[in-house]
Amino acid sequence: WRYRATRMRRNRMIGCVLIVTGTLSVAMGGTLTRFGQYEYLYIAMSIGIALIFAGVVWTRRPDMAIARNEGASVAGFSTMPLAERDAVPPVAPSGETAPELAFLAEKTLQLAGDDLRAWLASWSVAMEVDPVMSRRDARQAWRLRKELPPAGRARFDEMTVPERRALVQLAAEVLQLPALTRIDDPSRDREDSARMGD
């Protein structure tokens, strides 16, 4: 009953109930065939399969949160799905720069060439010479570019591909910039991704 009050994982609970009901329906059809009517099995099995399928589909639906919303409408509750609400990255207050971005703009974007390579190595980031970015690296680079201030964007655009890739690795893996640590496909390494011209 705790889930009913909070409405947390409500869709999963409803889906599981449908799956159990479908399983019991198929079992009841098997029991009814003992009376000599095989049609009971087919009818119960088709109903049971439909219920099981509906239960699986229902468990995949996102849950709706019942959370207080200060600037809300008449009811004062938010109906944003939990998956969307949790996926929103934290945003720094307007006029403030995140400490990670300030650090990147102050230190990294001022360096070039061997100075940049040595500085990145001191932060355990090796600069690779591959001139082609993977799709994952390119998406992370684009996210980092959007986060940078205008002067930082211009300097970021002037960098070579290996420099940009190393800077993205520093921001995502060492500084753990929130906008970069939530990339969609973390399991795909750069070496495994498709390259243009192969």
Protein backbone atom coordinates (compact mmCIF):
# COMPACT_ATOMS: atom_id res chain seq x y z
CA TRP A 1 0.00 0.00 0.00
CA ARG A 2 3.02 2.21 0.38
CA TYR A 3 3.35 2.34 -3.43
CA ARG A 4 -0.32 3.23 -3.79
CA ALA A 5 0.07 6.27 -1.53
CA THR A 6 3.24 7.60 -3.16
CA ARG A 7 2.46 6.37 -6.68
CA MET A 8 6.09 5.34 -7.05
CA ARG A 9 6.54 2.43 -9.46
CA ARG A 10 2.80 2.25 -9.88
CA ASN A 11 3.01 1.22 -13.54
CA ARG A 12 5.40 -1.60 -12.68
CA MET A 13 3.01 -2.85 -9.99
CA ILE A 14 0.01 -2.75 -12.36
CA GLY A 15 2.02 -4.52 -15.07
CA CYS A 16 3.08 -7.28 -12.68
CA VAL A 17 -0.54 -7.79 -11.60
CA LEU A 18 -1.55 -8.13 -15.27
CA ILE A 19 1.23 -10.66 -15.89
CA VAL A 20 0.17 -12.74 -12.88
CA THR A 21 -3.48 -12.57 -13.96
CA GLY A 22 -2.54 -13.72 -17.46
CA THR A 23 -0.53 -16.62 -16.07
CA LEU A 24 -3.43 -17.69 -13.84
CA SER A 25 -5.81 -17.42 -16.80
CA VAL A 26 -3.69 -19.86 -18.83
CA ALA A 27 -3.50 -22.21 -15.84
CA MET A 28 -7.28 -22.07 -15.38
CA GLY A 29 -7.73 -22.98 -19.05
CA GLY A 30 -5.60 -26.07 -18.51
CA THR A 31 -7.72 -27.01 -15.52
CA LEU A 32 -10.97 -26.53 -17.46
CA THR A 33 -9.83 -28.88 -20.24
CA ARG A 34 -10.18 -31.73 -17.76
CA PHE A 35 -13.91 -31.35 -18.19
CA GLY A 36 -13.50 -32.42 -21.82
CA GLN A 37 -13.84 -29.08 -23.59
CA TYR A 38 -10.58 -28.18 -25.35
CA GLU A 39 -11.96 -24.82 -26.41
CA TYR A 40 -11.54 -23.63 -22.83
CA LEU A 41 -7.77 -24.02 -23.18
CA TYR A 42 -7.59 -21.98 -26.39
CA ILE A 43 -9.83 -19.21 -25.10
CA ALA A 44 -8.04 -18.98 -21.75
CA MET A 45 -4.63 -19.15 -23.42
CA SER A 46 -5.41 -16.31 -25.83
CA ILE A 47 -6.78 -14.16 -22.99
CA GLY A 48 -3.76 -15.02 -20.82
CA ILE A 49 -1.26 -14.17 -23.56
CA ALA A 50 -3.01 -10.85 -24.17
CA LEU A 51 -2.89 -10.05 -20.43
CA ILE A 52 0.79 -11.01 -20.15
CA PHE A 53 1.68 -8.87 -23.17
CA ALA A 54 -0.33 -5.94 -21.78
CA GLY A 55 1.47 -6.35 -18.44
CA VAL A 56 4.90 -6.26 -20.05
CA VAL A 57 3.98 -3.16 -22.04
CA TRP A 58 2.49 -1.51 -18.95
CA THR A 59 5.68 -2.04 -16.90
CA ARG A 60 7.63 -0.07 -19.53
CA ARG A 61 5.55 3.09 -19.09
CA PRO A 62 7.25 5.94 -17.18
CA ASP A 63 5.90 6.66 -13.72
CA MET A 64 4.25 9.99 -13.02
CA ALA A 65 5.50 11.79 -9.95
CA ILE A 66 3.19 13.30 -7.39
CA ALA A 67 5.52 15.97 -6.12
CA ARG A 68 4.77 19.44 -4.85
CA ASN A 69 5.32 22.12 -7.43
CA GLU A 70 5.66 25.64 -6.07
CA GLY A 71 4.65 27.45 -9.27
CA ALA A 72 2.01 24.88 -10.08
CA SER A 73 -1.43 25.04 -11.51
CA VAL A 74 -4.69 24.62 -9.62
CA ALA A 75 -3.91 21.25 -8.00
CA GLY A 76 -0.33 22.17 -7.05
CA PHE A 77 1.17 18.87 -8.19
CA SER A 78 3.66 18.03 -10.91
CA THR A 79 2.82 15.33 -13.43
CA MET A 80 6.23 15.26 -15.09
CA PRO A 81 7.44 11.65 -15.56
CA LEU A 82 10.16 10.65 -13.10
CA ALA A 83 12.51 9.68 -15.94
CA GLU A 84 12.36 13.21 -17.38
CA ARG A 85 12.60 14.89 -13.99
CA ASP A 86 15.72 12.93 -13.00
CA ALA A 87 17.40 13.41 -16.38
CA VAL A 88 17.55 17.20 -16.12
CA PRO A 89 21.15 18.21 -15.39
CA PRO A 90 21.76 20.69 -12.60
CA VAL A 91 22.06 24.23 -13.89
CA ALA A 92 24.21 26.91 -12.33
CA PRO A 93 22.32 30.06 -11.34
CA SER A 94 22.24 32.72 -14.04
CA GLY A 95 25.35 34.86 -14.13
CA GLU A 96 27.37 32.14 -12.39
CA THR A 97 29.77 29.81 -14.15
CA ALA A 98 30.20 26.25 -12.95
CA PRO A 99 33.59 25.79 -11.23
CA GLU A 100 34.60 23.14 -13.78
CA LEU A 101 33.96 25.51 -16.68
CA ALA A 102 35.74 28.37 -14.94
CA PHE A 103 38.73 26.10 -14.41
CA LEU A 104 38.75 25.03 -18.07
CA ALA A 105 38.42 28.60 -19.32
CA GLU A 106 41.12 29.89 -16.98
CA LYS A 107 43.73 27.16 -17.44
CA THR A 108 43.21 24.98 -20.46
CA LEU A 109 41.86 27.36 -23.08
CA GLN A 110 44.84 29.69 -22.60
CA LEU A 111 47.41 26.99 -23.49
CA ALA A 112 48.40 25.55 -26.86
CA GLY A 113 50.75 22.96 -28.34
CA ASP A 114 53.30 21.32 -26.04
CA ASP A 115 52.22 23.42 -23.06
CA LEU A 116 48.66 22.10 -23.40
CA ARG A 117 49.91 18.53 -23.89
CA ALA A 118 52.09 18.71 -20.74
CA TRP A 119 49.34 20.32 -18.70
CA LEU A 120 46.79 17.66 -19.76
CA ALA A 121 49.32 14.91 -18.96
CA SER A 122 49.63 16.33 -15.44
CA TRP A 123 45.88 15.70 -15.12
CA SER A 124 46.25 12.10 -16.44
CA VAL A 125 44.82 12.87 -19.88
CA ALA A 126 46.90 11.70 -22.85
CA MET A 127 46.46 13.47 -26.17
CA GLU A 128 45.96 10.98 -28.99
CA VAL A 129 46.96 11.85 -32.55
CA ASP A 130 43.93 10.34 -34.29
CA PRO A 131 42.43 13.14 -36.46
CA VAL A 132 38.91 11.64 -36.50
CA MET A 133 36.48 11.82 -33.58
CA SER A 134 34.04 9.06 -32.80
CA ARG A 135 30.38 9.96 -32.70
CA ARG A 136 30.37 9.77 -28.89
CA ASP A 137 33.37 12.10 -28.64
CA ALA A 138 31.78 14.51 -31.11
CA ARG A 139 28.56 14.64 -29.09
CA GLN A 140 30.50 15.25 -25.90
CA ALA A 141 32.56 17.96 -27.62
CA TRP A 142 29.36 19.65 -28.78
CA ARG A 143 27.91 19.54 -25.26
CA LEU A 144 31.10 21.01 -23.83
CA ARG A 145 31.15 23.73 -26.50
CA LYS A 146 27.57 24.74 -25.61
CA GLU A 147 28.56 25.07 -21.94
CA LEU A 148 31.59 27.29 -22.60
CA PRO A 149 31.42 31.10 -22.56
CA PRO A 150 31.60 32.81 -26.00
CA ALA A 151 35.35 33.49 -25.78
CA GLY A 152 35.93 29.87 -24.80
CA ARG A 153 33.87 28.66 -27.76
CA ALA A 154 36.03 30.59 -30.20
CA ARG A 155 39.21 29.14 -28.69
CA PHE A 156 37.66 25.64 -28.58
CA ASP A 157 36.82 25.89 -32.31
CA GLU A 158 40.44 26.80 -33.10
CA MET A 159 41.80 23.68 -31.39
CA THR A 160 42.80 20.57 -33.32
CA VAL A 161 40.71 17.40 -33.03
CA PRO A 162 43.20 15.67 -30.66
CA GLU A 163 43.24 18.77 -28.43
CA ARG A 164 39.44 18.96 -28.36
CA ARG A 165 39.15 15.23 -27.61
CA ALA A 166 41.65 15.51 -24.74
CA LEU A 167 39.83 18.55 -23.36
CA VAL A 168 36.53 16.64 -23.48
CA GLN A 169 38.14 13.71 -21.64
CA LEU A 170 39.42 16.10 -18.98
CA ALA A 171 35.99 17.70 -18.57
CA ALA A 172 34.00 14.44 -18.59
CA GLU A 173 36.23 11.95 -16.81
CA VAL A 174 38.41 14.05 -14.48
CA LEU A 175 36.36 17.16 -13.70
CA GLN A 176 33.08 15.24 -14.18
CA LEU A 177 31.15 18.09 -15.72
CA PRO A 178 27.46 17.08 -15.28
CA ALA A 179 26.49 17.89 -18.88
CA LEU A 180 29.13 15.43 -20.16
CA THR A 181 28.85 12.57 -17.69
CA ARG A 182 25.31 11.75 -18.85
CA ILE A 183 26.17 10.84 -22.42
CA ASP A 184 23.71 8.39 -23.98
CA ASP A 185 25.99 5.47 -24.87
CA PRO A 186 28.81 5.17 -22.29
CA SER A 187 29.47 1.56 -23.23
CA ARG A 188 30.73 2.43 -26.72
CA ASP A 189 34.41 3.16 -26.79
CA ARG A 190 35.97 5.41 -29.37
CA GLU A 191 37.82 2.49 -30.97
CA ASP A 192 34.61 0.52 -31.54
CA SER A 193 32.67 3.27 -33.25
CA ALA A 194 32.38 3.56 -37.00
CA ARG A 195 34.84 5.83 -38.75
CA MET A 196 34.22 7.82 -41.88
CA GLY A 197 35.91 6.39 -44.94
CA ASP A 198 36.34 2.82 -43.58
